[in-house]
Amino acid sequence: MYKHIYFTGFMASGKSRVGRHVAERLKRPFIDTDFLIAEQANKSISEIFEQDGEAAFRKMELEVIEKLATDPEPKVISLGGGALTQASVVKAIRQSGVLIRLWAEPEVLSERISRKNNRPLMAGLDDTQRLEKVKTLLVEREVYYSKADFSVESSNEYPEEHVTERVVRLLHFWEDHVLNVETSSGDRYPIFIGNHLLSRMGILLEGLQLMPSHDFLICTDNAVAKAQSQAISQLRNQSSQSLVFKFRSGEINKNFNSLNQLYTFMLRRHFSRKTCLLQFGGGVVGDMAGFGAATYQRGIPFIQLPTTLLSMVDSSVGGKVAVNHIEGKNMIGAFYQPKAVICDISVLSTLPHQEFLAGLAEIIKYGVIYDAAFFDFIENHVESILNKDPEILKQLIKRSCEIKAEVVGIDEKETGLRAILNYGHTFGHAIEKLTNYQKFSHGIAVSLGMRVAGRVATLLNLWTSQDEERQNNLLNRFGFPTSFNVSAEEAWKAMSIDKKVDKNNRNYILPHKIGFVEKHSNIDEQIINNAWDSIRAKEEL
């Protein structure tokens, strides 16, 4: 459970009442920041506003919250209605706990406020004026309340015990929350990693304010639907018996024809902008469903529910969604962030070994490009990883997502740092294109691409031959393929239309040591051609 549990929301939304109930359930102290401020100032909140002004109150509020945030004893804390207007307050809360928003309709809030005449911002207003003021302030503060991790309705129809139960259930779900992705454009969404999360998805959909306001559509593919029929049934039960759309399986079907079938399915069934797509599949489904969500009626929400190790650590995080074109992979797409990512480790039980390896390739990549200690961890746990130890897997997925989230947070649109995530991909995409996306899965192709990129770095003296050998030995210990005969001339042509090519500059992500890579442009063609020798079978050399 989180260190501190904070409640936010408009005045009279029930923060203090529900907060006390939650504190009792969890056996934690309860703190109302308004009460604490009034006690310290020896004045009522109204008197502080009248005598000292709102700016002075906000300063006292910030000091109180920052002190509470550093208190080692876990607490339940009720915040004032305007506390989140201060960026420093938000920062302190996010570093120390989980933030819950309680909400109710404006009419409900206005009626509750009328019961007491002690709200400084509502003083002297009649019923009509008060309701209009409530509506105005709600609109103004929505940008702040939206910073909450999840929301729970606190209407007059629900007794406080009911609201308390929903909050506690959401807090239990949040125990599997591992991090938030925060992008440079201001988007923020949670990632969850745990076992059997799908059977509890309904409470999350409510907490994200998607249910009951939205319709849901599960997007999967034929292969996943067959292997994960029970999981899909659980997901339907948790999302108001939502319909299921199935793409045809495979990278070869990741195109506009498949995407148009999704659009047609949705339009004929009158899905509106109040629809949320639940992407349940690997990277191919995730890319197509995500691009569908980005473009259907100019954008609808979607949630990533990856079913492969590769999609858990790669495509489900970062908001890159796309389809392939006959001239190249992922050439038509968008940057569009999900509402949440839920990695249910239990679905990996049906994953074929080769697909498991595909995910491991990306995990190893993170160690090479960003985190030498993580690379060491992988080297030291090969056997446990191959045995799919749940705790080790959770650590691998968590750290991979952390690395990608950190990179995406700095560079959402791939204008700089994010390019390092393409290590092995330029060569891997060429292999995929030359084999019509049918011989290797994406992750396996990337593993071969990492070997080629590693050789380029050695030929350019960017890293040592020992570093290259260390990378390749780790790939070998997991059983990745070591060779594939490539025509250097055809590969050079295939790479000319890769997304990493801009204004005739061919870009390559190359390692300088384990844990650090950089972008290099326009490397001599002969060096690239020679590097392909690293994966050619010996009899072909």
Protein backbone atom coordinates (compact mmCIF):
# COMPACT_ATOMS: atom_id res chain seq x y z
CA MET A 1 0.00 0.00 0.00
CA TYR A 2 1.18 3.53 -0.71
CA LYS A 3 2.99 5.61 1.89
CA HIS A 4 0.37 8.39 1.94
CA ILE A 5 -3.16 8.45 0.50
CA TYR A 6 -4.32 11.90 -0.55
CA PHE A 7 -7.89 12.98 -1.29
CA THR A 8 -8.67 15.86 -3.60
CA GLY A 9 -11.86 17.23 -5.08
CA PHE A 10 -14.15 20.22 -5.00
CA MET A 11 -15.46 21.59 -1.72
CA ALA A 12 -18.21 19.38 -0.25
CA SER A 13 -17.15 16.38 -2.36
CA GLY A 14 -16.73 14.31 0.80
CA LYS A 15 -12.95 14.33 1.16
CA SER A 16 -12.97 14.57 4.95
CA ARG A 17 -15.84 12.16 5.59
CA VAL A 18 -14.67 9.47 3.18
CA GLY A 19 -11.05 10.08 4.13
CA ARG A 20 -11.83 9.32 7.77
CA HIS A 21 -13.61 6.10 6.82
CA VAL A 22 -10.67 4.98 4.66
CA ALA A 23 -8.23 5.84 7.43
CA GLU A 24 -10.24 3.70 9.86
CA ARG A 25 -10.32 0.79 7.41
CA LEU A 26 -6.58 0.96 6.86
CA LYS A 27 -5.76 1.80 10.49
CA ARG A 28 -3.95 5.00 9.58
CA PRO A 29 -4.01 8.51 11.08
CA PHE A 30 -6.29 10.97 9.25
CA ILE A 31 -5.24 14.55 8.52
CA ASP A 32 -7.39 17.36 7.12
CA THR A 33 -5.00 20.01 5.81
CA ASP A 34 -7.55 22.82 6.17
CA PHE A 35 -8.06 21.90 9.84
CA LEU A 36 -4.29 21.71 10.38
CA ILE A 37 -3.73 25.12 8.76
CA ALA A 38 -6.49 26.72 10.84
CA GLU A 39 -5.06 25.17 14.00
CA GLN A 40 -1.54 26.42 13.28
CA ALA A 41 -2.74 29.92 12.33
CA ASN A 42 -5.20 30.04 15.24
CA LYS A 43 -7.77 31.34 12.74
CA SER A 44 -10.57 29.83 10.72
CA ILE A 45 -10.01 29.35 6.98
CA SER A 46 -12.53 32.17 6.35
CA GLU A 47 -10.56 34.50 8.61
CA ILE A 48 -7.30 33.66 6.87
CA PHE A 49 -8.85 34.48 3.48
CA GLU A 50 -10.43 37.70 4.77
CA GLN A 51 -7.48 39.01 6.78
CA ASP A 52 -4.44 37.67 4.96
CA GLY A 53 -5.70 36.86 1.46
CA GLU A 54 -5.68 33.69 -0.63
CA ALA A 55 -1.97 33.96 -1.50
CA ALA A 56 -1.03 33.76 2.18
CA PHE A 57 -3.32 30.77 2.64
CA ARG A 58 -1.78 28.94 -0.32
CA LYS A 59 1.70 29.52 1.11
CA MET A 60 0.66 27.99 4.45
CA GLU A 61 -1.04 25.14 2.61
CA LEU A 62 2.11 24.32 0.65
CA GLU A 63 4.26 24.32 3.79
CA VAL A 64 1.85 21.97 5.58
CA ILE A 65 1.62 19.52 2.64
CA GLU A 66 5.37 19.43 2.02
CA LYS A 67 5.94 18.64 5.71
CA LEU A 68 3.30 15.90 5.69
CA ALA A 69 4.78 14.41 2.51
CA THR A 70 8.11 13.79 4.25
CA ASP A 71 6.53 12.27 7.36
CA PRO A 72 7.57 8.58 7.46
CA GLU A 73 4.30 7.44 9.10
CA PRO A 74 1.71 6.50 6.38
CA LYS A 75 -1.35 8.73 6.58
CA VAL A 76 -4.66 9.48 4.88
CA ILE A 77 -4.70 13.18 4.01
CA SER A 78 -7.63 15.32 2.88
CA LEU A 79 -6.58 18.31 0.76
CA GLY A 80 -8.32 21.64 0.36
CA GLY A 81 -10.36 22.13 -2.81
CA GLY A 82 -7.74 24.38 -4.45
CA ALA A 83 -4.56 22.69 -3.22
CA LEU A 84 -3.60 21.26 -6.61
CA THR A 85 -3.44 24.72 -8.20
CA GLN A 86 0.12 24.81 -6.88
CA ALA A 87 2.62 22.80 -8.93
CA SER A 88 4.83 22.29 -5.87
CA VAL A 89 1.93 20.64 -4.04
CA VAL A 90 1.39 18.22 -6.93
CA LYS A 91 5.10 17.37 -6.99
CA ALA A 92 5.19 16.66 -3.25
CA ILE A 93 2.12 14.42 -3.49
CA ARG A 94 3.39 12.41 -6.46
CA GLN A 95 6.68 11.76 -4.73
CA SER A 96 5.03 10.49 -1.57
CA GLY A 97 1.74 8.76 -2.34
CA VAL A 98 -1.37 8.16 -4.39
CA LEU A 99 -3.89 10.89 -5.21
CA ILE A 100 -7.63 10.11 -5.24
CA ARG A 101 -10.27 12.45 -6.60
CA LEU A 102 -13.79 12.44 -5.19
CA TRP A 103 -16.39 13.99 -7.47
CA ALA A 104 -20.10 14.68 -7.67
CA GLU A 105 -22.44 16.53 -10.01
CA PRO A 106 -22.51 20.37 -9.64
CA GLU A 107 -26.09 20.30 -8.33
CA VAL A 108 -25.12 17.86 -5.59
CA LEU A 109 -22.10 19.93 -4.60
CA SER A 110 -24.08 23.18 -4.55
CA GLU A 111 -26.77 21.69 -2.32
CA ARG A 112 -24.18 20.34 0.12
CA ILE A 113 -22.39 23.70 0.24
CA SER A 114 -25.69 25.43 1.09
CA ARG A 115 -25.96 23.43 4.31
CA LYS A 116 -23.12 25.43 5.88
CA ASN A 117 -22.27 29.07 5.40
CA ASN A 118 -18.52 28.71 6.01
CA ARG A 119 -17.10 28.51 2.48
CA PRO A 120 -15.15 31.72 1.71
CA LEU A 121 -15.54 31.44 -2.06
CA MET A 122 -19.30 30.93 -1.78
CA ALA A 123 -20.14 33.57 0.81
CA GLY A 124 -23.23 35.68 0.16
CA LEU A 125 -24.45 33.78 -2.93
CA ASP A 126 -28.03 32.68 -3.47
CA ASP A 127 -28.88 29.22 -4.83
CA THR A 128 -28.65 30.19 -8.49
CA GLN A 129 -25.43 32.17 -8.09
CA ARG A 130 -23.87 29.41 -6.01
CA LEU A 131 -24.62 26.72 -8.61
CA GLU A 132 -23.17 28.87 -11.39
CA LYS A 133 -20.07 29.56 -9.29
CA VAL A 134 -19.66 25.83 -8.65
CA LYS A 135 -19.90 25.07 -12.37
CA THR A 136 -17.41 27.80 -13.24
CA LEU A 137 -14.87 26.70 -10.64
CA LEU A 138 -15.21 23.04 -11.65
CA VAL A 139 -14.33 23.93 -15.23
CA GLU A 140 -11.40 26.05 -14.09
CA ARG A 141 -10.07 23.38 -11.75
CA GLU A 142 -10.61 20.35 -13.96
CA VAL A 143 -7.05 20.68 -15.25
CA TYR A 144 -5.87 20.25 -11.65
CA TYR A 145 -8.29 17.53 -10.55
CA SER A 146 -7.35 15.52 -13.65
CA LYS A 147 -3.92 15.04 -12.08
CA ALA A 148 -5.44 12.51 -9.68
CA ASP A 149 -4.40 8.88 -10.08
CA PHE A 150 -8.03 7.78 -10.03
CA SER A 151 -11.52 9.12 -9.34
CA VAL A 152 -14.52 7.87 -7.35
CA GLU A 153 -18.02 9.30 -7.48
CA SER A 154 -19.38 10.57 -4.18
CA SER A 155 -23.03 11.30 -4.95
CA ASN A 156 -25.95 11.44 -2.53
CA GLU A 157 -27.12 8.11 -3.96
CA TYR A 158 -24.16 6.30 -2.41
CA PRO A 159 -23.66 6.01 1.36
CA GLU A 160 -20.17 6.86 2.57
CA GLU A 161 -19.53 3.17 3.30
CA HIS A 162 -20.11 2.39 -0.39
CA VAL A 163 -17.71 5.11 -1.55
CA THR A 164 -15.16 3.94 1.00
CA GLU A 165 -15.36 0.36 -0.30
CA ARG A 166 -14.76 1.50 -3.88
CA VAL A 167 -11.76 3.54 -2.81
CA VAL A 168 -10.26 0.60 -0.90
CA ARG A 169 -10.79 -1.74 -3.86
CA LEU A 170 -9.02 0.71 -6.16
CA LEU A 171 -6.17 1.07 -3.70
CA HIS A 172 -5.74 -2.72 -3.75
CA PHE A 173 -5.58 -2.64 -7.55
CA TRP A 174 -3.04 0.18 -7.28
CA GLU A 175 -0.70 -2.09 -5.35
CA ASP A 176 0.35 -3.43 -8.76
CA HIS A 177 1.01 0.08 -10.06
CA VAL A 178 4.74 0.33 -10.80
CA LEU A 179 5.20 3.72 -12.46
CA ASN A 180 3.64 6.54 -14.45
CA VAL A 181 4.70 7.54 -17.94
CA GLU A 182 4.92 11.32 -18.15
CA THR A 183 5.54 12.64 -21.65
CA SER A 184 7.08 15.91 -22.76
CA SER A 185 3.66 17.02 -24.06
CA GLY A 186 2.09 16.66 -20.60
CA ASP A 187 0.34 13.29 -20.99
CA ARG A 188 0.50 11.00 -17.99
CA TYR A 189 -0.69 7.42 -17.61
CA PRO A 190 -0.10 4.51 -15.22
CA ILE A 191 1.54 1.15 -15.83
CA PHE A 192 0.48 -1.89 -13.81
CA ILE A 193 2.37 -5.20 -13.60
CA GLY A 194 0.97 -8.19 -11.73
CA ASN A 195 -0.80 -11.53 -11.87
CA HIS A 196 -4.49 -11.99 -12.74
CA LEU A 197 -5.18 -8.28 -13.19
CA LEU A 198 -7.78 -8.85 -15.91
CA SER A 199 -10.26 -10.33 -13.45
CA ARG A 200 -10.24 -7.02 -11.54
CA MET A 201 -10.22 -4.61 -14.48
CA GLY A 202 -13.71 -3.23 -13.87
CA ILE A 203 -12.73 -1.22 -10.82
CA LEU A 204 -9.86 0.35 -12.78
CA LEU A 205 -12.19 1.38 -15.61
CA GLU A 206 -14.39 3.10 -13.05
CA GLY A 207 -11.40 4.77 -11.44
CA LEU A 208 -10.29 6.14 -14.81
CA GLN A 209 -13.84 7.51 -15.24
CA LEU A 210 -14.44 5.33 -18.31
CA MET A 211 -17.27 3.28 -16.82
CA PRO A 212 -20.22 3.63 -17.02
CA SER A 213 -19.77 6.68 -19.27
CA HIS A 214 -18.08 4.80 -22.15
CA ASP A 215 -18.76 1.83 -24.37
CA PHE A 216 -15.91 -0.65 -24.78
CA LEU A 217 -14.57 -2.68 -27.67
CA ILE A 218 -11.96 -5.39 -27.19
CA CYS A 219 -9.46 -5.53 -30.07
CA THR A 220 -7.48 -8.74 -30.41
CA ASP A 221 -6.45 -11.15 -33.18
CA ASN A 222 -7.44 -14.67 -34.14
CA ALA A 223 -4.44 -16.36 -32.52
CA VAL A 224 -4.75 -14.50 -29.20
CA ALA A 225 -8.52 -15.03 -29.13
CA LYS A 226 -7.98 -18.77 -29.42
CA ALA A 227 -5.15 -19.00 -26.87
CA GLN A 228 -6.65 -16.54 -24.37
CA SER A 229 -10.38 -17.26 -24.60
CA GLN A 230 -10.79 -17.38 -20.81
CA ALA A 231 -8.94 -14.09 -20.36
CA ILE A 232 -11.10 -12.42 -23.02
CA SER A 233 -14.20 -13.73 -21.26
CA GLN A 234 -12.94 -12.16 -18.02
CA LEU A 235 -12.24 -8.91 -19.83
CA ARG A 236 -15.73 -8.84 -21.31
CA ASN A 237 -17.24 -9.42 -17.88
CA GLN A 238 -15.26 -6.51 -16.52
CA SER A 239 -16.25 -4.12 -19.32
CA SER A 240 -20.05 -4.37 -19.55
CA GLN A 241 -19.99 -7.44 -21.83
CA SER A 242 -18.16 -5.50 -24.54
CA LEU A 243 -17.99 -6.72 -28.12
CA VAL A 244 -14.81 -8.26 -29.53
CA PHE A 245 -13.13 -7.38 -32.83
CA LYS A 246 -10.51 -9.78 -34.20
CA PHE A 247 -7.75 -8.77 -36.59
CA ARG A 248 -6.13 -11.41 -38.74
CA SER A 249 -2.92 -12.51 -37.02
CA GLY A 250 0.58 -11.63 -38.12
CA GLU A 251 2.77 -8.71 -39.13
CA ILE A 252 1.80 -9.22 -42.76
CA ASN A 253 -1.75 -8.13 -41.85
CA LYS A 254 -0.67 -4.92 -40.13
CA ASN A 255 -1.96 -2.65 -42.86
CA PHE A 256 -4.72 -0.23 -43.85
CA ASN A 257 -6.92 -3.02 -45.11
CA SER A 258 -7.08 -4.53 -41.61
CA LEU A 259 -7.50 -1.12 -40.04
CA ASN A 260 -10.37 -0.28 -42.36
CA GLN A 261 -12.12 -3.45 -41.24
CA LEU A 262 -11.97 -2.12 -37.67
CA TYR A 263 -13.41 1.23 -38.75
CA THR A 264 -16.24 -0.48 -40.62
CA PHE A 265 -17.03 -2.74 -37.66
CA MET A 266 -17.26 0.27 -35.36
CA LEU A 267 -19.23 2.53 -37.69
CA ARG A 268 -21.83 -0.11 -38.50
CA ARG A 269 -22.40 -0.65 -34.78
CA HIS A 270 -22.58 3.09 -34.10
CA PHE A 271 -19.62 3.33 -31.76
CA SER A 272 -19.25 6.98 -30.79
CA ARG A 273 -16.49 9.16 -29.38
CA LYS A 274 -17.60 7.83 -25.99
CA THR A 275 -15.86 4.54 -26.81
CA CYS A 276 -12.72 3.08 -25.29
CA LEU A 277 -10.71 0.43 -27.14
CA LEU A 278 -9.24 -2.33 -25.00
CA GLN A 279 -6.20 -3.55 -26.93
CA PHE A 280 -5.66 -7.19 -25.96
CA GLY A 281 -2.81 -8.65 -27.97
CA GLY A 282 0.80 -8.28 -29.00
CA GLY A 283 2.57 -5.42 -30.72
CA VAL A 284 0.76 -5.81 -34.04
CA VAL A 285 -2.68 -5.55 -32.45
CA GLY A 286 -1.49 -2.78 -30.16
CA ASP A 287 -0.19 -0.70 -33.04
CA MET A 288 -3.33 -1.12 -35.14
CA ALA A 289 -5.82 -0.67 -32.29
CA GLY A 290 -3.84 2.33 -31.04
CA PHE A 291 -3.78 3.92 -34.49
CA GLY A 292 -7.47 3.13 -34.82
CA ALA A 293 -8.12 4.90 -31.51
CA ALA A 294 -6.01 7.87 -32.58
CA THR A 295 -8.00 8.34 -35.77
CA TYR A 296 -11.55 7.10 -35.15
CA GLN A 297 -13.74 10.19 -34.96
CA ARG A 298 -10.56 12.22 -34.41
CA GLY A 299 -9.50 10.29 -31.34
CA ILE A 300 -10.95 8.06 -28.64
CA PRO A 301 -9.31 6.60 -25.50
CA PHE A 302 -7.65 3.21 -25.47
CA ILE A 303 -5.96 0.95 -22.94
CA GLN A 304 -3.00 -1.31 -23.67
CA LEU A 305 -3.38 -4.89 -22.40
CA PRO A 306 -0.29 -6.55 -23.90
CA THR A 307 -0.25 -10.34 -24.17
CA THR A 308 3.39 -10.88 -25.18
CA LEU A 309 6.59 -10.13 -23.33
CA LEU A 310 7.72 -8.02 -26.29
CA SER A 311 4.65 -5.81 -26.26
CA MET A 312 4.80 -5.45 -22.47
CA VAL A 313 8.29 -3.96 -22.59
CA ASP A 314 8.18 -2.21 -25.95
CA SER A 315 5.16 -1.31 -28.06
CA SER A 316 2.64 -0.84 -25.25
CA VAL A 317 4.71 1.98 -23.73
CA GLY A 318 5.45 5.26 -25.44
CA GLY A 319 2.44 5.95 -27.63
CA LYS A 320 3.89 5.08 -31.05
CA VAL A 321 1.08 3.53 -33.10
CA ALA A 322 1.24 2.66 -36.78
CA VAL A 323 0.53 0.35 -39.69
CA ASN A 324 2.91 -0.94 -42.32
CA HIS A 325 3.06 0.16 -45.94
CA ILE A 326 4.22 -1.98 -48.81
CA GLU A 327 7.29 0.27 -48.96
CA GLY A 328 8.23 -0.02 -45.29
CA LYS A 329 7.39 -0.97 -41.71
CA ASN A 330 5.45 1.45 -39.49
CA MET A 331 5.62 4.19 -42.12
CA ILE A 332 2.05 5.42 -41.49
CA GLY A 333 1.26 6.24 -37.86
CA ALA A 334 0.91 8.68 -35.01
CA PHE A 335 2.01 9.46 -31.47
CA TYR A 336 -1.03 8.72 -29.28
CA GLN A 337 -0.82 7.81 -25.61
CA PRO A 338 -3.03 5.19 -23.90
CA LYS A 339 -5.07 5.81 -20.76
CA ALA A 340 -3.22 2.99 -19.00
CA VAL A 341 -1.02 -0.07 -19.58
CA ILE A 342 -1.89 -3.29 -17.76
CA CYS A 343 0.69 -6.09 -17.93
CA ASP A 344 -0.94 -9.26 -16.62
CA ILE A 345 1.95 -11.69 -16.29
CA SER A 346 -0.41 -14.67 -16.08
CA VAL A 347 -1.24 -14.35 -19.81
CA LEU A 348 2.37 -15.20 -20.66
CA SER A 349 1.74 -18.83 -19.71
CA THR A 350 0.49 -19.60 -23.24
CA LEU A 351 3.27 -17.66 -24.99
CA PRO A 352 5.38 -19.80 -27.38
CA HIS A 353 9.09 -19.90 -26.56
CA GLN A 354 10.10 -18.01 -29.70
CA GLU A 355 7.72 -15.19 -28.79
CA PHE A 356 9.16 -15.17 -25.28
CA LEU A 357 12.63 -14.80 -26.80
CA ALA A 358 11.37 -11.91 -28.93
CA GLY A 359 10.57 -9.99 -25.75
CA LEU A 360 13.90 -10.86 -24.18
CA ALA A 361 15.69 -9.30 -27.15
CA GLU A 362 14.13 -5.93 -26.34
CA ILE A 363 14.91 -6.38 -22.64
CA ILE A 364 18.58 -7.07 -23.40
CA LYS A 365 18.52 -4.03 -25.68
CA TYR A 366 17.57 -1.79 -22.74
CA GLY A 367 20.64 -2.96 -20.87
CA VAL A 368 22.93 -2.26 -23.82
CA ILE A 369 21.55 1.19 -24.58
CA TYR A 370 20.87 2.62 -21.12
CA ASP A 371 21.65 0.60 -18.02
CA ALA A 372 24.80 -1.46 -17.54
CA ALA A 373 23.62 -2.64 -14.10
CA PHE A 374 20.43 -3.97 -15.69
CA PHE A 375 22.56 -5.82 -18.27
CA ASP A 376 24.50 -7.35 -15.35
CA PHE A 377 21.21 -8.39 -13.72
CA ILE A 378 20.11 -10.19 -16.89
CA GLU A 379 23.48 -11.96 -17.18
CA ASN A 380 23.16 -13.17 -13.58
CA HIS A 381 19.59 -14.51 -13.92
CA VAL A 382 19.54 -16.32 -17.27
CA GLU A 383 18.29 -19.60 -15.81
CA SER A 384 15.53 -17.97 -13.74
CA ILE A 385 14.43 -15.95 -16.76
CA LEU A 386 14.24 -19.03 -18.98
CA ASN A 387 12.20 -20.73 -16.24
CA LYS A 388 9.85 -17.71 -16.27
CA ASP A 389 10.23 -17.00 -12.56
CA PRO A 390 7.32 -14.58 -11.89
CA GLU A 391 9.25 -12.25 -9.60
CA ILE A 392 12.23 -12.04 -11.94
CA LEU A 393 9.90 -11.43 -14.89
CA LYS A 394 8.17 -8.63 -12.99
CA GLN A 395 11.54 -6.99 -12.30
CA LEU A 396 12.56 -7.31 -15.96
CA ILE A 397 9.30 -5.82 -17.22
CA LYS A 398 9.31 -3.07 -14.60
CA ARG A 399 12.86 -1.92 -15.30
CA SER A 400 12.33 -2.08 -19.07
CA CYS A 401 9.20 0.05 -18.77
CA GLU A 402 11.01 2.48 -16.47
CA ILE A 403 13.78 2.94 -19.01
CA LYS A 404 11.41 3.43 -21.90
CA ALA A 405 9.18 5.74 -19.83
CA GLU A 406 12.15 7.87 -18.85
CA VAL A 407 13.31 8.16 -22.45
CA VAL A 408 9.80 8.88 -23.75
CA GLY A 409 9.26 11.41 -20.97
CA ILE A 410 12.24 13.40 -22.24
CA ASP A 411 11.58 12.93 -25.97
CA GLU A 412 8.02 11.88 -26.82
CA LYS A 413 8.16 12.60 -30.57
CA GLU A 414 11.57 11.02 -31.29
CA THR A 415 13.44 14.23 -32.02
CA GLY A 416 16.49 13.31 -29.96
CA LEU A 417 17.08 10.87 -27.10
CA ARG A 418 14.21 8.52 -27.99
CA ALA A 419 16.11 7.45 -31.09
CA ILE A 420 18.34 5.27 -28.87
CA LEU A 421 15.39 2.88 -28.55
CA ASN A 422 16.00 1.99 -32.21
CA TYR A 423 19.19 0.10 -31.41
CA GLY A 424 19.20 -3.01 -33.62
CA HIS A 425 16.01 -1.91 -35.36
CA THR A 426 17.46 -0.41 -38.55
CA PHE A 427 19.16 -3.71 -39.40
CA GLY A 428 16.30 -5.76 -37.95
CA HIS A 429 13.72 -3.95 -40.07
CA ALA A 430 15.81 -4.62 -43.17
CA ILE A 431 15.81 -8.34 -42.33
CA GLU A 432 12.05 -8.26 -41.79
CA LYS A 433 11.44 -6.52 -45.11
CA LEU A 434 13.75 -8.83 -47.06
CA THR A 435 11.88 -11.85 -45.65
CA ASN A 436 8.43 -10.29 -46.16
CA TYR A 437 7.91 -10.25 -42.37
CA GLN A 438 7.41 -14.03 -42.35
CA LYS A 439 10.69 -15.68 -41.33
CA PHE A 440 11.39 -13.87 -38.03
CA SER A 441 9.24 -12.16 -35.44
CA HIS A 442 10.13 -8.52 -34.78
CA GLY A 443 12.07 -9.26 -31.60
CA ILE A 444 14.15 -12.03 -33.19
CA ALA A 445 14.96 -9.76 -36.13
CA VAL A 446 16.05 -7.08 -33.67
CA SER A 447 18.35 -9.56 -31.91
CA LEU A 448 20.10 -10.19 -35.23
CA GLY A 449 20.13 -6.43 -35.84
CA MET A 450 21.87 -5.90 -32.50
CA ARG A 451 24.63 -8.28 -33.58
CA VAL A 452 25.13 -6.30 -36.81
CA ALA A 453 25.02 -2.94 -35.03
CA GLY A 454 27.51 -4.27 -32.49
CA ARG A 455 29.88 -5.25 -35.29
CA VAL A 456 29.58 -1.78 -36.89
CA ALA A 457 30.56 -0.26 -33.53
CA THR A 458 33.57 -2.58 -33.33
CA LEU A 459 34.68 -1.77 -36.87
CA LEU A 460 34.47 1.94 -36.02
CA ASN A 461 36.32 1.40 -32.70
CA LEU A 462 33.36 2.84 -30.79
CA TRP A 463 33.44 -0.02 -28.31
CA THR A 464 35.74 -2.97 -27.76
CA SER A 465 35.53 -6.40 -29.32
CA GLN A 466 35.12 -7.66 -25.74
CA ASP A 467 31.95 -5.60 -25.38
CA GLU A 468 30.62 -7.00 -28.65
CA GLU A 469 31.44 -10.53 -27.50
CA ARG A 470 29.71 -9.92 -24.15
CA GLN A 471 26.52 -8.76 -25.87
CA ASN A 472 26.54 -11.69 -28.29
CA ASN A 473 27.33 -14.24 -25.58
CA LEU A 474 24.27 -13.14 -23.62
CA LEU A 475 22.12 -13.51 -26.74
CA ASN A 476 23.66 -16.95 -27.29
CA ARG A 477 22.90 -18.09 -23.73
CA PHE A 478 19.21 -17.49 -24.34
CA GLY A 479 19.33 -19.37 -27.63
CA PHE A 480 18.85 -16.51 -30.09
CA PRO A 481 19.72 -17.29 -33.72
CA THR A 482 23.32 -16.47 -34.57
CA SER A 483 23.17 -16.28 -38.35
CA PHE A 484 21.10 -15.28 -41.34
CA ASN A 485 22.53 -14.88 -44.82
CA VAL A 486 21.79 -11.40 -46.10
CA SER A 487 22.59 -9.81 -49.42
CA ALA A 488 24.44 -6.64 -48.43
CA GLU A 489 23.24 -4.89 -51.59
CA GLU A 490 19.58 -5.74 -50.97
CA ALA A 491 19.90 -4.85 -47.29
CA TRP A 492 21.37 -1.45 -48.21
CA LYS A 493 18.36 -0.76 -50.42
CA ALA A 494 15.92 -1.93 -47.75
CA MET A 495 17.46 0.40 -45.18
CA SER A 496 17.12 3.39 -47.50
CA ILE A 497 13.39 3.68 -46.76
CA ASP A 498 13.57 3.04 -43.03
CA LYS A 499 12.00 5.69 -40.74
CA LYS A 500 15.46 6.48 -39.39
CA VAL A 501 16.43 7.96 -42.76
CA ASP A 502 15.82 11.71 -42.88
CA LYS A 503 16.79 14.06 -45.73
CA ASN A 504 19.05 11.38 -47.20
CA ASN A 505 20.90 10.93 -43.91
CA ARG A 506 21.15 7.31 -42.86
CA ASN A 507 21.09 7.15 -39.08
CA TYR A 508 22.37 4.32 -36.90
CA ILE A 509 22.24 3.83 -33.15
CA LEU A 510 25.58 2.36 -32.13
CA PRO A 511 27.00 1.35 -28.74
CA HIS A 512 30.07 2.95 -27.18
CA LYS A 513 29.99 0.61 -24.19
CA ILE A 514 27.46 -1.58 -22.41
CA GLY A 515 24.89 0.90 -21.12
CA PHE A 516 25.53 3.76 -23.55
CA VAL A 517 24.77 4.34 -27.24
CA GLU A 518 24.74 7.32 -29.60
CA LYS A 519 23.35 8.19 -33.01
CA HIS A 520 25.76 8.16 -35.97
CA SER A 521 24.94 9.23 -39.50
CA ASN A 522 26.12 8.38 -43.01
CA ILE A 523 28.57 5.61 -42.21
CA ASP A 524 30.53 4.33 -45.18
CA GLU A 525 28.55 1.72 -47.11
CA GLN A 526 31.44 -0.72 -47.12
CA ILE A 527 31.58 -0.75 -43.31
CA ILE A 528 27.87 -1.50 -43.19
CA ASN A 529 28.28 -4.24 -45.79
CA ASN A 530 31.15 -5.78 -43.85
CA ALA A 531 29.12 -5.72 -40.63
CA TRP A 532 26.54 -8.07 -42.15
CA ASP A 533 29.30 -10.71 -42.06
CA SER A 534 28.72 -10.93 -38.30
CA ILE A 535 25.52 -12.94 -38.90
CA ARG A 536 26.43 -14.80 -42.07
CA ALA A 537 26.96 -18.53 -41.71
CA LYS A 538 30.67 -19.36 -41.78
CA GLU A 539 30.41 -21.42 -44.95
CA GLU A 540 29.11 -18.32 -46.75
CA LEU A 541 32.08 -16.13 -45.79
